[in-house]
Amino acid sequence: ITFVHNLVSGSKSTVIEILMLLFNSMIFFVMARYLVIESWDKEWVALITLGQAAFYIGHVYYVLIKQKLDRNLLTTFMAQSAFFLTITIPIVISKDWLSVSWSIQAFLMLWMAGKMRSRFLGNLAYLIYAIVLIRFISLDMPGHYGNAPYVVSAGTMDYLKSLLERFITLGVPVLSLYAAAKLMKSQPVGFSVVVPEENDFHDGVDTNLIRNGLIIIG
């Protein structure tokens, strides 16, 4: 109800409609989560968040296919789908793998941003990378080194297993940063459906600065 009229009539959405759209999705999520955890384990809440992410991704595709020039609606749909996809990961995955999962998600979003020619989606990817870096430095590194239990004697297989786990949890985010920097240097061929200039953000983000920063931090 909050946005169908805008899509059908072609009228631009206002702040009131965007706020109602956000309020509606949050109320639905809170109530659905409450109903799920009453009867099942909390991991099943991921079906709700994935469903909402798919719901808003479908809206993004519709807006682009129909060339509906409403930047507020499109960016809200993108933000909603990214939000629900991001919170799905902690629900179904151990906290030790959060940085790995989010770094992969950030890279995929950055790749999608290049394919769709979307500055807004690219900025969301930068935001997730910032969260990954904060978590990596404040939790992952101390957890694997500063506060990690020291095993005096371990078998070869135990050592190799520990080595593989550490390579994944610490190596994948670093490799993701490097891959993102390389991706930002290239110009991927866009999809047949891209974000029109009128529907995108016109920000002053210095991509060269971000790219070089990713390389240095990585």
N, C-alpha and C. Protein backbone atom coordinates (compact mmCIF):
# COMPACT_ATOMS: atom_id res chain seq x y z
N ILE A 1 0.83 -1.19 0.00
CA ILE A 1 0.00 0.00 0.00
C ILE A 1 0.87 1.25 0.00
N THR A 2 2.00 1.20 0.72
CA THR A 2 2.81 2.42 0.87
C THR A 2 3.54 2.81 -0.39
N PHE A 3 3.72 1.89 -1.34
CA PHE A 3 4.48 2.26 -2.53
C PHE A 3 3.86 1.82 -3.86
N VAL A 4 2.84 0.96 -3.84
CA VAL A 4 2.24 0.48 -5.10
C VAL A 4 1.66 1.65 -5.90
N HIS A 5 1.00 2.59 -5.21
CA HIS A 5 0.43 3.74 -5.91
C HIS A 5 1.52 4.52 -6.65
N ASN A 6 2.69 4.68 -6.02
CA ASN A 6 3.77 5.42 -6.65
C ASN A 6 4.28 4.70 -7.90
N LEU A 7 4.40 3.37 -7.79
CA LEU A 7 4.91 2.60 -8.93
C LEU A 7 3.92 2.61 -10.08
N VAL A 8 2.62 2.52 -9.77
CA VAL A 8 1.60 2.47 -10.83
C VAL A 8 1.41 3.84 -11.48
N SER A 9 1.31 4.87 -10.65
CA SER A 9 1.02 6.21 -11.18
C SER A 9 2.26 6.94 -11.70
N GLY A 10 3.44 6.48 -11.26
CA GLY A 10 4.66 7.17 -11.67
C GLY A 10 5.01 8.37 -10.82
N SER A 11 4.24 8.63 -9.77
CA SER A 11 4.54 9.76 -8.89
C SER A 11 5.68 9.40 -7.95
N LYS A 12 6.50 10.39 -7.62
CA LYS A 12 7.67 10.17 -6.79
C LYS A 12 7.26 9.96 -5.33
N SER A 13 7.95 9.06 -4.66
CA SER A 13 7.67 8.80 -3.25
C SER A 13 8.18 9.95 -2.39
N THR A 14 7.54 10.13 -1.24
CA THR A 14 7.94 11.17 -0.30
C THR A 14 8.58 10.55 0.93
N VAL A 15 9.06 11.39 1.82
CA VAL A 15 9.69 10.92 3.05
C VAL A 15 8.71 10.11 3.89
N ILE A 16 7.45 10.54 3.93
CA ILE A 16 6.43 9.84 4.70
C ILE A 16 6.28 8.41 4.21
N GLU A 17 6.23 8.21 2.92
CA GLU A 17 6.05 6.87 2.36
C GLU A 17 7.26 5.99 2.60
N ILE A 18 8.45 6.57 2.52
CA ILE A 18 9.67 5.80 2.78
C ILE A 18 9.72 5.38 4.24
N LEU A 19 9.38 6.30 5.15
CA LEU A 19 9.37 5.97 6.58
C LEU A 19 8.34 4.89 6.89
N MET A 20 7.17 4.97 6.26
CA MET A 20 6.14 3.95 6.46
C MET A 20 6.61 2.60 5.92
N LEU A 21 7.33 2.60 4.81
CA LEU A 21 7.86 1.37 4.24
C LEU A 21 8.86 0.72 5.20
N LEU A 22 9.76 1.52 5.77
CA LEU A 22 10.73 1.00 6.73
C LEU A 22 10.05 0.52 8.00
N PHE A 23 9.09 1.31 8.48
CA PHE A 23 8.36 0.94 9.70
C PHE A 23 7.61 -0.38 9.49
N ASN A 24 6.98 -0.53 8.35
CA ASN A 24 6.21 -1.73 8.04
C ASN A 24 7.09 -2.98 8.02
N SER A 25 8.26 -2.88 7.38
CA SER A 25 9.15 -4.04 7.28
C SER A 25 9.71 -4.43 8.64
N MET A 26 9.99 -3.43 9.51
CA MET A 26 10.51 -3.73 10.83
C MET A 26 9.44 -4.38 11.71
N ILE A 27 8.22 -3.86 11.64
CA ILE A 27 7.13 -4.44 12.42
C ILE A 27 6.88 -5.88 11.99
N PHE A 28 6.89 -6.11 10.68
CA PHE A 28 6.69 -7.47 10.17
C PHE A 28 7.79 -8.40 10.68
N PHE A 29 9.05 -7.94 10.62
CA PHE A 29 10.16 -8.77 11.06
C PHE A 29 10.06 -9.10 12.54
N VAL A 30 9.78 -8.11 13.37
CA VAL A 30 9.70 -8.32 14.82
C VAL A 30 8.59 -9.30 15.16
N MET A 31 7.42 -9.13 14.55
CA MET A 31 6.29 -10.01 14.85
C MET A 31 6.54 -11.43 14.32
N ALA A 32 7.10 -11.53 13.11
CA ALA A 32 7.37 -12.84 12.53
C ALA A 32 8.43 -13.58 13.35
N ARG A 33 9.46 -12.85 13.80
CA ARG A 33 10.50 -13.46 14.63
C ARG A 33 9.90 -14.00 15.93
N TYR A 34 9.03 -13.22 16.53
CA TYR A 34 8.39 -13.64 17.79
C TYR A 34 7.59 -14.93 17.57
N LEU A 35 6.86 -15.00 16.48
CA LEU A 35 6.04 -16.18 16.20
C LEU A 35 6.91 -17.41 15.93
N VAL A 36 8.04 -17.20 15.25
CA VAL A 36 8.92 -18.32 14.91
C VAL A 36 9.58 -18.89 16.16
N ILE A 37 10.18 -18.03 16.99
CA ILE A 37 10.93 -18.54 18.14
C ILE A 37 10.01 -19.08 19.24
N GLU A 38 8.70 -18.84 19.12
CA GLU A 38 7.77 -19.47 20.05
C GLU A 38 7.70 -20.97 19.85
N SER A 39 7.90 -21.42 18.60
CA SER A 39 7.71 -22.83 18.27
C SER A 39 8.97 -23.53 17.78
N TRP A 40 9.94 -22.78 17.25
CA TRP A 40 11.13 -23.40 16.69
C TRP A 40 12.39 -22.73 17.21
N ASP A 41 13.56 -23.29 16.86
CA ASP A 41 14.83 -22.69 17.22
C ASP A 41 15.01 -21.37 16.47
N LYS A 42 15.86 -20.50 17.04
CA LYS A 42 16.01 -19.16 16.47
C LYS A 42 16.63 -19.19 15.07
N GLU A 43 17.33 -20.32 14.72
CA GLU A 43 17.92 -20.40 13.39
C GLU A 43 16.87 -20.32 12.29
N TRP A 44 15.63 -20.72 12.61
CA TRP A 44 14.57 -20.67 11.61
C TRP A 44 14.13 -19.25 11.28
N VAL A 45 14.56 -18.29 12.10
CA VAL A 45 14.26 -16.88 11.78
C VAL A 45 14.93 -16.49 10.47
N ALA A 46 16.00 -17.22 10.10
CA ALA A 46 16.69 -16.92 8.85
C ALA A 46 15.76 -17.04 7.64
N LEU A 47 14.74 -17.90 7.74
CA LEU A 47 13.78 -17.99 6.64
C LEU A 47 13.01 -16.69 6.47
N ILE A 48 12.75 -16.01 7.59
CA ILE A 48 12.05 -14.73 7.53
C ILE A 48 12.94 -13.68 6.87
N THR A 49 14.19 -13.57 7.36
CA THR A 49 15.09 -12.54 6.83
C THR A 49 15.44 -12.80 5.36
N LEU A 50 15.65 -14.06 5.00
CA LEU A 50 15.92 -14.37 3.59
C LEU A 50 14.71 -14.07 2.72
N GLY A 51 13.53 -14.37 3.25
CA GLY A 51 12.31 -14.06 2.50
C GLY A 51 12.14 -12.58 2.27
N GLN A 52 12.43 -11.77 3.30
CA GLN A 52 12.31 -10.33 3.14
C GLN A 52 13.39 -9.79 2.20
N ALA A 53 14.59 -10.34 2.27
CA ALA A 53 15.65 -9.92 1.35
C ALA A 53 15.24 -10.22 -0.09
N ALA A 54 14.74 -11.43 -0.34
CA ALA A 54 14.29 -11.80 -1.68
C ALA A 54 13.12 -10.92 -2.13
N PHE A 55 12.23 -10.59 -1.21
CA PHE A 55 11.08 -9.74 -1.51
C PHE A 55 11.53 -8.38 -2.05
N TYR A 56 12.51 -7.77 -1.37
CA TYR A 56 12.95 -6.44 -1.80
C TYR A 56 13.89 -6.51 -3.01
N ILE A 57 14.63 -7.60 -3.16
CA ILE A 57 15.43 -7.77 -4.38
C ILE A 57 14.51 -7.85 -5.59
N GLY A 58 13.38 -8.55 -5.43
CA GLY A 58 12.40 -8.60 -6.51
C GLY A 58 11.87 -7.23 -6.87
N HIS A 59 11.68 -6.38 -5.86
CA HIS A 59 11.22 -5.02 -6.13
C HIS A 59 12.27 -4.20 -6.87
N VAL A 60 13.54 -4.39 -6.50
CA VAL A 60 14.62 -3.71 -7.21
C VAL A 60 14.60 -4.10 -8.69
N TYR A 61 14.47 -5.39 -8.95
CA TYR A 61 14.46 -5.89 -10.33
C TYR A 61 13.27 -5.30 -11.09
N TYR A 62 12.10 -5.24 -10.44
CA TYR A 62 10.91 -4.69 -11.10
C TYR A 62 11.11 -3.22 -11.46
N VAL A 63 11.64 -2.46 -10.50
CA VAL A 63 11.84 -1.02 -10.74
C VAL A 63 12.80 -0.80 -11.91
N LEU A 64 13.87 -1.61 -11.98
CA LEU A 64 14.84 -1.44 -13.06
C LEU A 64 14.27 -1.89 -14.40
N ILE A 65 13.54 -3.01 -14.40
CA ILE A 65 12.96 -3.51 -15.65
C ILE A 65 11.94 -2.52 -16.22
N LYS A 66 11.10 -1.97 -15.34
CA LYS A 66 10.04 -1.05 -15.77
C LYS A 66 10.54 0.39 -15.91
N GLN A 67 11.83 0.60 -15.56
CA GLN A 67 12.42 1.94 -15.66
C GLN A 67 11.60 2.98 -14.89
N LYS A 68 11.23 2.60 -13.67
CA LYS A 68 10.53 3.54 -12.80
C LYS A 68 11.55 4.47 -12.17
N LEU A 69 11.49 5.74 -12.50
CA LEU A 69 12.50 6.69 -12.04
C LEU A 69 12.12 7.25 -10.68
N ASP A 70 12.33 6.46 -9.65
CA ASP A 70 12.08 6.89 -8.27
C ASP A 70 13.28 6.47 -7.43
N ARG A 71 14.22 7.38 -7.28
CA ARG A 71 15.48 7.06 -6.60
C ARG A 71 15.25 6.68 -5.15
N ASN A 72 14.32 7.37 -4.47
CA ASN A 72 14.08 7.08 -3.06
C ASN A 72 13.60 5.65 -2.86
N LEU A 73 12.65 5.21 -3.69
CA LEU A 73 12.14 3.86 -3.57
C LEU A 73 13.22 2.83 -3.89
N LEU A 74 13.95 3.05 -4.98
CA LEU A 74 14.96 2.09 -5.40
C LEU A 74 16.04 1.92 -4.33
N THR A 75 16.54 3.03 -3.81
CA THR A 75 17.60 2.94 -2.80
C THR A 75 17.06 2.32 -1.50
N THR A 76 15.80 2.59 -1.18
CA THR A 76 15.22 1.96 0.01
C THR A 76 15.09 0.46 -0.17
N PHE A 77 14.65 0.02 -1.34
CA PHE A 77 14.56 -1.41 -1.63
C PHE A 77 15.95 -2.06 -1.54
N MET A 78 16.96 -1.42 -2.11
CA MET A 78 18.33 -1.96 -2.05
C MET A 78 18.82 -2.05 -0.61
N ALA A 79 18.59 -0.98 0.15
CA ALA A 79 19.04 -0.95 1.54
C ALA A 79 18.33 -2.03 2.35
N GLN A 80 17.03 -2.21 2.12
CA GLN A 80 16.27 -3.22 2.85
C GLN A 80 16.78 -4.63 2.52
N SER A 81 16.99 -4.92 1.25
CA SER A 81 17.47 -6.24 0.87
C SER A 81 18.85 -6.51 1.43
N ALA A 82 19.74 -5.49 1.41
CA ALA A 82 21.09 -5.66 1.96
C ALA A 82 21.03 -5.87 3.47
N PHE A 83 20.16 -5.13 4.15
CA PHE A 83 20.04 -5.24 5.60
C PHE A 83 19.60 -6.63 6.01
N PHE A 84 18.53 -7.13 5.41
CA PHE A 84 18.00 -8.44 5.81
C PHE A 84 18.95 -9.57 5.41
N LEU A 85 19.68 -9.39 4.31
CA LEU A 85 20.67 -10.39 3.94
C LEU A 85 21.82 -10.40 4.94
N THR A 86 22.24 -9.22 5.39
CA THR A 86 23.35 -9.12 6.33
C THR A 86 23.00 -9.72 7.69
N ILE A 87 21.79 -9.47 8.19
CA ILE A 87 21.44 -10.00 9.52
C ILE A 87 21.10 -11.49 9.46
N THR A 88 20.91 -12.04 8.25
CA THR A 88 20.68 -13.48 8.14
C THR A 88 21.93 -14.25 8.54
N ILE A 89 23.10 -13.72 8.19
CA ILE A 89 24.36 -14.44 8.40
C ILE A 89 24.62 -14.75 9.87
N PRO A 90 24.49 -13.79 10.81
CA PRO A 90 24.72 -14.14 12.22
C PRO A 90 23.71 -15.14 12.77
N ILE A 91 22.53 -15.22 12.16
CA ILE A 91 21.50 -16.13 12.65
C ILE A 91 21.88 -17.58 12.39
N VAL A 92 22.46 -17.85 11.23
CA VAL A 92 22.71 -19.24 10.82
C VAL A 92 24.17 -19.65 10.91
N ILE A 93 25.07 -18.68 11.13
CA ILE A 93 26.50 -18.98 11.11
C ILE A 93 27.13 -18.63 12.45
N SER A 94 28.12 -19.43 12.86
CA SER A 94 28.84 -19.17 14.10
C SER A 94 29.52 -17.81 14.04
N LYS A 95 29.65 -17.17 15.22
CA LYS A 95 30.26 -15.84 15.27
C LYS A 95 31.69 -15.84 14.76
N ASP A 96 32.37 -16.99 14.78
CA ASP A 96 33.74 -17.07 14.30
C ASP A 96 33.84 -16.88 12.79
N TRP A 97 32.72 -17.04 12.10
CA TRP A 97 32.73 -16.95 10.64
C TRP A 97 32.05 -15.69 10.13
N LEU A 98 31.71 -14.78 11.02
CA LEU A 98 31.00 -13.58 10.59
C LEU A 98 31.84 -12.71 9.65
N SER A 99 33.09 -12.48 10.02
CA SER A 99 33.93 -11.62 9.19
C SER A 99 34.14 -12.23 7.81
N VAL A 100 34.29 -13.55 7.76
CA VAL A 100 34.44 -14.23 6.47
C VAL A 100 33.19 -14.03 5.62
N SER A 101 32.03 -14.28 6.21
CA SER A 101 30.77 -14.19 5.47
C SER A 101 30.50 -12.77 5.01
N TRP A 102 30.69 -11.81 5.91
CA TRP A 102 30.43 -10.42 5.54
C TRP A 102 31.42 -9.91 4.50
N SER A 103 32.67 -10.34 4.57
CA SER A 103 33.65 -9.90 3.57
C SER A 103 33.30 -10.44 2.19
N ILE A 104 32.82 -11.68 2.13
CA ILE A 104 32.38 -12.24 0.85
C ILE A 104 31.15 -11.51 0.34
N GLN A 105 30.22 -11.23 1.25
CA GLN A 105 29.02 -10.49 0.86
C GLN A 105 29.38 -9.10 0.34
N ALA A 106 30.31 -8.42 1.01
CA ALA A 106 30.72 -7.08 0.58
C ALA A 106 31.33 -7.12 -0.81
N PHE A 107 32.17 -8.14 -1.07
CA PHE A 107 32.76 -8.26 -2.40
C PHE A 107 31.69 -8.50 -3.46
N LEU A 108 30.73 -9.38 -3.17
CA LEU A 108 29.66 -9.65 -4.14
C LEU A 108 28.82 -8.40 -4.39
N MET A 109 28.56 -7.62 -3.34
CA MET A 109 27.80 -6.38 -3.51
C MET A 109 28.58 -5.38 -4.34
N LEU A 110 29.91 -5.33 -4.14
CA LEU A 110 30.74 -4.43 -4.93
C LEU A 110 30.75 -4.86 -6.40
N TRP A 111 30.80 -6.16 -6.63
CA TRP A 111 30.75 -6.68 -8.00
C TRP A 111 29.40 -6.36 -8.65
N MET A 112 28.31 -6.54 -7.87
CA MET A 112 26.99 -6.20 -8.37
C MET A 112 26.87 -4.70 -8.67
N ALA A 113 27.48 -3.89 -7.80
CA ALA A 113 27.43 -2.44 -8.01
C ALA A 113 28.09 -2.07 -9.34
N GLY A 114 29.22 -2.73 -9.66
CA GLY A 114 29.87 -2.46 -10.93
C GLY A 114 29.04 -2.93 -12.11
N LYS A 115 28.40 -4.08 -11.96
CA LYS A 115 27.59 -4.62 -13.05
C LYS A 115 26.33 -3.77 -13.28
N MET A 116 25.74 -3.29 -12.18
CA MET A 116 24.50 -2.52 -12.27
C MET A 116 24.75 -1.02 -12.39
N ARG A 117 26.03 -0.63 -12.33
CA ARG A 117 26.40 0.79 -12.36
C ARG A 117 25.69 1.57 -11.25
N SER A 118 25.72 1.00 -10.03
CA SER A 118 25.02 1.59 -8.90
C SER A 118 26.01 2.11 -7.88
N ARG A 119 26.07 3.43 -7.70
CA ARG A 119 26.93 4.02 -6.68
C ARG A 119 26.41 3.68 -5.28
N PHE A 120 25.09 3.68 -5.13
CA PHE A 120 24.50 3.42 -3.82
C PHE A 120 24.86 2.03 -3.33
N LEU A 121 24.75 1.02 -4.19
CA LEU A 121 25.09 -0.34 -3.81
C LEU A 121 26.58 -0.45 -3.49
N GLY A 122 27.40 0.28 -4.23
CA GLY A 122 28.83 0.31 -3.94
C GLY A 122 29.12 0.89 -2.57
N ASN A 123 28.38 1.94 -2.20
CA ASN A 123 28.57 2.56 -0.89
C ASN A 123 28.15 1.60 0.23
N LEU A 124 27.11 0.81 -0.01
CA LEU A 124 26.72 -0.20 0.98
C LEU A 124 27.83 -1.23 1.16
N ALA A 125 28.47 -1.59 0.06
CA ALA A 125 29.59 -2.54 0.14
C ALA A 125 30.74 -1.95 0.95
N TYR A 126 31.04 -0.67 0.76
CA TYR A 126 32.10 -0.02 1.54
C TYR A 126 31.75 -0.03 3.03
N LEU A 127 30.47 0.20 3.34
CA LEU A 127 30.04 0.21 4.74
C LEU A 127 30.24 -1.17 5.38
N ILE A 128 29.89 -2.23 4.65
CA ILE A 128 30.07 -3.58 5.19
C ILE A 128 31.56 -3.89 5.36
N TYR A 129 32.38 -3.44 4.42
CA TYR A 129 33.84 -3.63 4.56
C TYR A 129 34.35 -2.92 5.82
N ALA A 130 33.82 -1.73 6.10
CA ALA A 130 34.24 -1.01 7.32
C ALA A 130 33.87 -1.81 8.56
N ILE A 131 32.67 -2.40 8.58
CA ILE A 131 32.26 -3.24 9.71
C ILE A 131 33.17 -4.45 9.84
N VAL A 132 33.50 -5.06 8.70
CA VAL A 132 34.39 -6.22 8.70
C VAL A 132 35.75 -5.86 9.29
N LEU A 133 36.30 -4.71 8.89
CA LEU A 133 37.62 -4.30 9.38
C LEU A 133 37.60 -4.05 10.88
N ILE A 134 36.54 -3.39 11.36
CA ILE A 134 36.45 -3.12 12.80
C ILE A 134 36.37 -4.44 13.58
N ARG A 135 35.55 -5.36 13.11
CA ARG A 135 35.43 -6.65 13.78
C ARG A 135 36.73 -7.45 13.67
N PHE A 136 37.37 -7.41 12.52
CA PHE A 136 38.60 -8.16 12.28
C PHE A 136 39.70 -7.73 13.24
N ILE A 137 39.83 -6.41 13.42
CA ILE A 137 40.91 -5.89 14.26
C ILE A 137 40.59 -6.03 15.75
N SER A 138 39.31 -5.80 16.11
CA SER A 138 38.96 -5.78 17.53
C SER A 138 38.62 -7.15 18.11
N LEU A 139 38.13 -8.08 17.27
CA LEU A 139 37.70 -9.38 17.78
C LEU A 139 38.46 -10.56 17.19
N ASP A 140 38.58 -10.60 15.88
CA ASP A 140 39.17 -11.78 15.24
C ASP A 140 40.65 -11.95 15.56
N MET A 141 41.42 -10.88 15.41
CA MET A 141 42.86 -10.98 15.68
C MET A 141 43.16 -11.32 17.14
N PRO A 142 42.57 -10.60 18.11
CA PRO A 142 42.82 -10.99 19.51
C PRO A 142 42.31 -12.40 19.82
N GLY A 143 41.18 -12.79 19.21
CA GLY A 143 40.63 -14.11 19.48
C GLY A 143 41.52 -15.23 18.99
N HIS A 144 42.24 -14.99 17.90
CA HIS A 144 43.09 -16.04 17.33
C HIS A 144 44.53 -15.97 17.82
N TYR A 145 44.91 -14.83 18.38
CA TYR A 145 46.30 -14.69 18.82
C TYR A 145 46.40 -14.29 20.29
N GLY A 146 45.88 -13.10 20.61
CA GLY A 146 46.07 -12.60 21.96
C GLY A 146 45.43 -13.44 23.03
N ASN A 147 44.20 -13.92 22.78
CA ASN A 147 43.47 -14.68 23.80
C ASN A 147 43.30 -16.15 23.42
N ALA A 148 43.98 -16.58 22.38
CA ALA A 148 43.79 -17.95 21.90
C ALA A 148 44.49 -18.93 22.83
N PRO A 149 43.85 -20.08 23.11
CA PRO A 149 44.51 -21.10 23.94
C PRO A 149 45.72 -21.69 23.24
N TYR A 150 46.77 -21.91 23.98
CA TYR A 150 48.01 -22.43 23.41
C TYR A 150 48.09 -23.93 23.65
N VAL A 151 48.17 -24.67 22.56
CA VAL A 151 48.23 -26.13 22.63
C VAL A 151 49.68 -26.56 22.52
N VAL A 152 50.18 -27.20 23.57
CA VAL A 152 51.59 -27.60 23.58
C VAL A 152 51.83 -28.75 22.61
N SER A 153 50.98 -29.76 22.67
CA SER A 153 51.18 -30.92 21.80
C SER A 153 49.91 -31.19 21.02
N ALA A 154 50.05 -31.37 19.74
CA ALA A 154 48.91 -31.66 18.88
C ALA A 154 49.37 -32.55 17.75
N GLY A 155 48.47 -33.43 17.30
CA GLY A 155 48.79 -34.30 16.19
C GLY A 155 48.82 -33.52 14.88
N THR A 156 49.38 -34.16 13.87
CA THR A 156 49.50 -33.49 12.57
C THR A 156 48.15 -33.07 12.02
N MET A 157 47.15 -33.95 12.11
CA MET A 157 45.83 -33.64 11.57
C MET A 157 45.17 -32.50 12.35
N ASP A 158 45.35 -32.49 13.68
CA ASP A 158 44.81 -31.39 14.48
C ASP A 158 45.45 -30.06 14.09
N TYR A 159 46.77 -30.13 13.85
CA TYR A 159 47.49 -28.92 13.46
C TYR A 159 47.01 -28.41 12.10
N LEU A 160 46.87 -29.32 11.14
CA LEU A 160 46.43 -28.93 9.80
C LEU A 160 45.01 -28.38 9.83
N LYS A 161 44.16 -28.99 10.66
CA LYS A 161 42.79 -28.50 10.79
C LYS A 161 42.78 -27.09 11.36
N SER A 162 43.58 -26.87 12.41
CA SER A 162 43.67 -25.55 13.00
C SER A 162 44.25 -24.54 12.02
N LEU A 163 45.23 -24.98 11.23
CA LEU A 163 45.85 -24.10 10.24
C LEU A 163 44.83 -23.69 9.18
N LEU A 164 44.02 -24.65 8.72
CA LEU A 164 43.01 -24.36 7.71
C LEU A 164 41.96 -23.40 8.24
N GLU A 165 41.51 -23.64 9.48
CA GLU A 165 40.51 -22.75 10.07
C GLU A 165 41.05 -21.33 10.20
N ARG A 166 42.31 -21.22 10.61
CA ARG A 166 42.89 -19.88 10.78
C ARG A 166 43.09 -19.19 9.44
N PHE A 167 43.45 -19.98 8.42
CA PHE A 167 43.62 -19.40 7.09
C PHE A 167 42.29 -18.85 6.58
N ILE A 168 41.20 -19.59 6.81
CA ILE A 168 39.90 -19.14 6.33
C ILE A 168 39.42 -17.91 7.09
N THR A 169 39.46 -17.98 8.43
CA THR A 169 38.90 -16.90 9.23
C THR A 169 39.72 -15.62 9.15
N LEU A 170 41.04 -15.74 8.96
CA LEU A 170 41.88 -14.55 8.88
C LEU A 170 42.32 -14.23 7.44
N GLY A 171 42.43 -15.26 6.62
CA GLY A 171 42.92 -15.04 5.26
C GLY A 171 41.86 -14.57 4.29
N VAL A 172 40.64 -15.10 4.40
CA VAL A 172 39.59 -14.74 3.45
C VAL A 172 39.25 -13.25 3.50
N PRO A 173 39.07 -12.62 4.69
CA PRO A 173 38.81 -11.18 4.69
C PRO A 173 39.93 -10.37 4.03
N VAL A 174 41.19 -10.78 4.26
CA VAL A 174 42.31 -10.07 3.63
C VAL A 174 42.28 -10.25 2.12
N LEU A 175 42.04 -11.48 1.66
CA LEU A 175 41.94 -11.74 0.23
C LEU A 175 40.76 -10.99 -0.38
N SER A 176 39.69 -10.86 0.38
CA SER A 176 38.53 -10.12 -0.10
C SER A 176 38.86 -8.65 -0.32
N LEU A 177 39.63 -8.07 0.60
CA LEU A 177 40.06 -6.68 0.44
C LEU A 177 40.91 -6.51 -0.83
N TYR A 178 41.82 -7.44 -1.04
CA TYR A 178 42.68 -7.39 -2.23
C TYR A 178 41.84 -7.53 -3.50
N ALA A 179 40.91 -8.49 -3.49
CA ALA A 179 40.06 -8.71 -4.66
C ALA A 179 39.19 -7.49 -4.94
N ALA A 180 38.70 -6.84 -3.86
CA ALA A 180 37.88 -5.64 -4.04
C ALA A 180 38.68 -4.52 -4.67
N ALA A 181 39.93 -4.36 -4.21
CA ALA A 181 40.79 -3.33 -4.79
C ALA A 181 41.05 -3.59 -6.28
N LYS A 182 41.29 -4.86 -6.63
CA LYS A 182 41.51 -5.22 -8.04
C LYS A 182 40.23 -4.98 -8.85
N LEU A 183 39.08 -5.31 -8.26
CA LEU A 183 37.82 -5.13 -8.96
C LEU A 183 37.55 -3.66 -9.24
N MET A 184 37.90 -2.79 -8.29
CA MET A 184 37.65 -1.36 -8.46
C MET A 184 38.53 -0.75 -9.54
N LYS A 185 39.63 -1.41 -9.87
CA LYS A 185 40.51 -0.92 -10.94
C LYS A 185 39.96 -1.28 -12.32
N SER A 186 39.17 -2.34 -12.38
CA SER A 186 38.64 -2.81 -13.66
C SER A 186 37.28 -2.18 -13.93
N GLN A 187 36.81 -2.30 -15.14
CA GLN A 187 35.50 -1.82 -15.52
C GLN A 187 34.69 -3.01 -16.04
N PRO A 188 33.99 -3.73 -15.15
CA PRO A 188 33.25 -4.91 -15.60
C PRO A 188 32.14 -4.56 -16.57
N VAL A 189 31.87 -5.47 -17.47
CA VAL A 189 30.78 -5.28 -18.42
C VAL A 189 29.46 -5.32 -17.66
N GLY A 190 28.63 -4.31 -17.85
CA GLY A 190 27.40 -4.20 -17.09
C GLY A 190 26.34 -5.20 -17.53
N PHE A 191 25.37 -5.40 -16.64
CA PHE A 191 24.22 -6.23 -16.98
C PHE A 191 23.36 -5.50 -18.01
N SER A 192 22.40 -6.23 -18.57
CA SER A 192 21.46 -5.59 -19.48
C SER A 192 20.54 -4.64 -18.72
N VAL A 193 20.36 -4.92 -17.41
CA VAL A 193 19.55 -4.05 -16.56
C VAL A 193 20.49 -3.30 -15.62
N VAL A 194 20.55 -1.99 -15.76
CA VAL A 194 21.42 -1.18 -14.92
C VAL A 194 20.60 -0.08 -14.27
N VAL A 195 21.20 0.54 -13.24
CA VAL A 195 20.52 1.63 -12.54
C VAL A 195 20.66 2.91 -13.36
N PRO A 196 19.54 3.52 -13.78
CA PRO A 196 19.63 4.77 -14.53
C PRO A 196 20.29 5.87 -13.70
N GLU A 197 20.90 6.80 -14.38
CA GLU A 197 21.59 7.91 -13.70
C GLU A 197 20.64 8.67 -12.78
N GLU A 198 19.38 8.82 -13.22
CA GLU A 198 18.41 9.58 -12.42
C GLU A 198 18.02 8.85 -11.15
N ASN A 199 18.23 7.53 -11.11
CA ASN A 199 17.82 6.73 -9.95
C ASN A 199 18.95 6.49 -8.97
N ASP A 200 20.13 6.99 -9.26
CA ASP A 200 21.28 6.70 -8.42
C ASP A 200 21.68 7.91 -7.61
N PHE A 201 22.57 7.67 -6.63
CA PHE A 201 23.12 8.76 -5.84
C PHE A 201 24.24 9.44 -6.62
N HIS A 202 24.36 10.73 -6.43
CA HIS A 202 25.47 11.49 -7.03
C HIS A 202 26.35 11.98 -5.89
N ASP A 203 27.20 11.08 -5.41
CA ASP A 203 28.01 11.44 -4.26
C ASP A 203 29.44 11.74 -4.69
N GLY A 204 30.22 12.23 -3.74
CA GLY A 204 31.60 12.59 -4.04
C GLY A 204 32.60 11.62 -3.48
N VAL A 205 32.25 10.33 -3.41
CA VAL A 205 33.16 9.33 -2.87
C VAL A 205 34.36 9.16 -3.79
N ASP A 206 35.55 9.25 -3.24
CA ASP A 206 36.78 9.09 -4.01
C ASP A 206 37.12 7.60 -4.07
N THR A 207 36.77 6.96 -5.19
CA THR A 207 37.00 5.52 -5.30
C THR A 207 38.48 5.18 -5.33
N ASN A 208 39.31 6.08 -5.86
CA ASN A 208 40.76 5.83 -5.86
C ASN A 208 41.30 5.78 -4.43
N LEU A 209 40.82 6.69 -3.59
CA LEU A 209 41.25 6.71 -2.19
C LEU A 209 40.81 5.44 -1.48
N ILE A 210 39.57 5.01 -1.71
CA ILE A 210 39.06 3.78 -1.08
C ILE A 210 39.85 2.58 -1.57
N ARG A 211 40.11 2.52 -2.87
CA ARG A 211 40.85 1.38 -3.43
C ARG A 211 42.25 1.28 -2.82
N ASN A 212 42.95 2.40 -2.78
CA ASN A 212 44.30 2.40 -2.20
C ASN A 212 44.27 2.07 -0.72
N GLY A 213 43.22 2.55 -0.04
CA GLY A 213 43.08 2.24 1.38
C GLY A 213 42.88 0.75 1.62
N LEU A 214 42.07 0.12 0.76
CA LEU A 214 41.85 -1.32 0.88
C LEU A 214 43.15 -2.08 0.70
N ILE A 215 43.96 -1.65 -0.26
CA ILE A 215 45.25 -2.33 -0.51
C ILE A 215 46.17 -2.19 0.70
N ILE A 216 46.28 -0.97 1.24
CA ILE A 216 47.18 -0.72 2.38
C ILE A 216 46.72 -1.50 3.61
N ILE A 217 45.41 -1.43 3.91
CA ILE A 217 44.89 -2.13 5.09
C ILE A 217 45.04 -3.63 4.93
N GLY A 218 44.74 -4.15 3.71
CA GLY A 218 44.90 -5.58 3.46
C GLY A 218 46.33 -6.02 3.63
